[in-house]
Amino acid sequence: MEKCKTIFILDDDVGFVRIVSIILESNGYRVFKDYEGNYEFLLDKNFPDIILLDCRLGHKSGAEICRQLKENRDTNLIPVILCSGECNIRELANYAQADDFLQKPFDLNHLLIKIRFILENQALAASNP
């Protein structure tokens, strides 16, 4: 039996996180969330399968957090979907080395499709070393 996939949401918009969490959980994902950009628990090797990361987290930059994760050999393989209402999200995602991006507001079905695609690609890569 396959383990439940985990998604870590870092976003300071509590309403957004609640809605996305409900949708993800109803689709069988386990969701962890943080509203301030605290991701240090990842250093304890509690790796989620995917991180959904807002570009602006109050006093922190989600793009910088993503870049730090991608430059760390322990966390660089965790897929990150960068989200923002900024019109330059594509450039921010490229700078941050994010695996994908979504411009807010976005269709939640589009998010689910991106997540499934990333997880399927991970499974294929794992089965074909």
Protein backbone atom coordinates (compact mmCIF):
# COMPACT_ATOMS: atom_id res chain seq x y z
CA MET A 1 0.00 0.00 0.00
CA GLU A 2 1.37 3.40 -1.02
CA LYS A 3 1.89 5.93 1.76
CA CYS A 4 -0.22 9.05 1.82
CA LYS A 5 1.59 11.86 -0.01
CA THR A 6 2.32 14.96 2.02
CA ILE A 7 2.11 18.56 0.95
CA PHE A 8 3.57 21.43 2.95
CA ILE A 9 1.86 24.79 2.39
CA LEU A 10 3.73 27.96 3.34
CA ASP A 11 1.42 30.93 2.84
CA ASP A 12 0.45 33.85 5.07
CA ASP A 13 -3.13 33.98 3.72
CA VAL A 14 -5.04 31.90 6.26
CA GLY A 15 -8.21 31.72 4.14
CA PHE A 16 -6.26 30.54 1.10
CA VAL A 17 -4.48 27.88 3.16
CA ARG A 18 -7.78 26.63 4.63
CA ILE A 19 -9.44 26.27 1.23
CA VAL A 20 -6.43 24.63 -0.42
CA SER A 21 -5.98 22.30 2.58
CA ILE A 22 -9.60 21.14 2.40
CA ILE A 23 -9.31 20.42 -1.33
CA LEU A 24 -5.98 18.60 -0.96
CA GLU A 25 -7.15 16.54 2.02
CA SER A 26 -10.36 15.59 0.20
CA ASN A 27 -8.12 14.29 -2.60
CA GLY A 28 -6.19 12.04 -0.24
CA TYR A 29 -3.17 14.18 0.61
CA ARG A 30 -1.85 14.86 4.09
CA VAL A 31 -1.32 18.60 4.55
CA PHE A 32 1.02 20.49 6.83
CA LYS A 33 0.88 24.26 6.92
CA ASP A 34 2.74 27.29 8.12
CA TYR A 35 1.73 30.93 7.83
CA GLU A 36 5.06 32.62 8.58
CA GLY A 37 7.66 30.86 6.46
CA ASN A 38 8.97 28.48 9.11
CA TYR A 39 10.47 25.56 7.27
CA GLU A 40 13.31 24.64 9.62
CA PHE A 41 11.64 21.33 10.50
CA LEU A 42 12.76 20.15 7.06
CA LEU A 43 16.29 20.11 8.39
CA ASP A 44 15.18 17.25 10.68
CA LYS A 45 14.53 15.23 7.50
CA ASN A 46 10.74 15.49 7.79
CA PHE A 47 10.47 15.94 4.04
CA PRO A 48 7.10 16.48 2.40
CA ASP A 49 6.48 15.16 -1.10
CA ILE A 50 5.75 18.67 -2.41
CA ILE A 51 5.97 22.23 -1.08
CA LEU A 52 3.39 24.84 -2.10
CA LEU A 53 5.11 28.16 -1.38
CA ASP A 54 3.82 31.72 -1.55
CA CYS A 55 6.27 34.33 -2.89
CA ARG A 56 5.48 36.86 -0.19
CA LEU A 57 5.34 35.67 3.41
CA GLY A 58 5.04 38.86 5.40
CA HIS A 59 8.64 39.69 6.28
CA LYS A 60 10.12 36.73 4.35
CA SER A 61 10.55 36.09 0.65
CA GLY A 62 9.16 32.77 -0.52
CA ALA A 63 11.41 33.00 -3.57
CA GLU A 64 14.45 33.23 -1.28
CA ILE A 65 13.20 30.31 0.83
CA CYS A 66 12.77 28.26 -2.34
CA ARG A 67 16.26 29.16 -3.52
CA GLN A 68 17.73 28.13 -0.14
CA LEU A 69 15.89 24.80 -0.30
CA LYS A 70 17.12 24.19 -3.85
CA GLU A 71 20.71 25.00 -2.90
CA ASN A 72 20.69 22.62 0.07
CA ARG A 73 21.66 19.07 -0.91
CA ASP A 74 19.26 17.62 1.68
CA THR A 75 16.21 19.46 0.35
CA ASN A 76 16.98 20.23 -3.29
CA LEU A 77 14.96 17.30 -4.63
CA ILE A 78 11.73 18.32 -2.89
CA PRO A 79 9.48 19.74 -5.62
CA VAL A 80 8.39 23.32 -4.98
CA ILE A 81 5.42 25.02 -6.62
CA LEU A 82 5.81 28.76 -6.19
CA CYS A 83 2.56 30.76 -5.99
CA SER A 84 2.02 34.48 -6.28
CA GLY A 85 -0.30 37.19 -7.44
CA GLU A 86 2.74 38.97 -8.86
CA CYS A 87 2.71 39.41 -12.62
CA ASN A 88 6.36 38.34 -12.81
CA ILE A 89 5.82 34.93 -11.19
CA ARG A 90 7.56 33.13 -14.06
CA GLU A 91 10.75 35.15 -13.51
CA LEU A 92 10.54 34.70 -9.73
CA ALA A 93 10.11 30.94 -10.17
CA ASN A 94 13.12 30.78 -12.49
CA TYR A 95 15.23 32.80 -10.06
CA ALA A 96 14.13 30.61 -7.14
CA GLN A 97 14.74 27.38 -9.09
CA ALA A 98 11.14 26.31 -8.39
CA ASP A 99 9.86 23.19 -10.11
CA ASP A 100 6.66 24.91 -11.18
CA PHE A 101 4.56 27.97 -10.47
CA LEU A 102 0.96 29.17 -10.30
CA GLN A 103 -0.30 32.72 -10.56
CA LYS A 104 -2.95 33.60 -7.98
CA PRO A 105 -5.83 33.35 -8.18
CA PHE A 106 -5.73 29.94 -9.79
CA ASP A 107 -8.14 27.11 -10.43
CA LEU A 108 -7.76 24.47 -7.72
CA ASN A 109 -8.18 21.74 -10.34
CA HIS A 110 -5.11 23.17 -12.08
CA LEU A 111 -3.20 22.82 -8.80
CA LEU A 112 -4.31 19.20 -8.45
CA ILE A 113 -3.18 18.47 -12.01
CA LYS A 114 0.26 19.98 -11.35
CA ILE A 115 0.63 18.00 -8.12
CA ARG A 116 -0.34 14.72 -9.79
CA PHE A 117 2.05 15.42 -12.67
CA ILE A 118 4.96 16.10 -10.30
CA LEU A 119 4.23 13.00 -8.21
CA GLU A 120 3.92 10.80 -11.31
CA ASN A 121 7.24 12.10 -12.61
CA GLN A 122 8.86 11.39 -9.23
CA ALA A 123 7.52 7.84 -9.27
CA LEU A 124 8.81 7.31 -12.83
CA ALA A 125 12.24 8.66 -11.93
CA ALA A 126 12.40 6.42 -8.85
CA SER A 127 11.48 3.34 -10.86
CA ASN A 128 14.04 4.12 -13.61
CA PRO A 129 17.29 4.98 -11.80
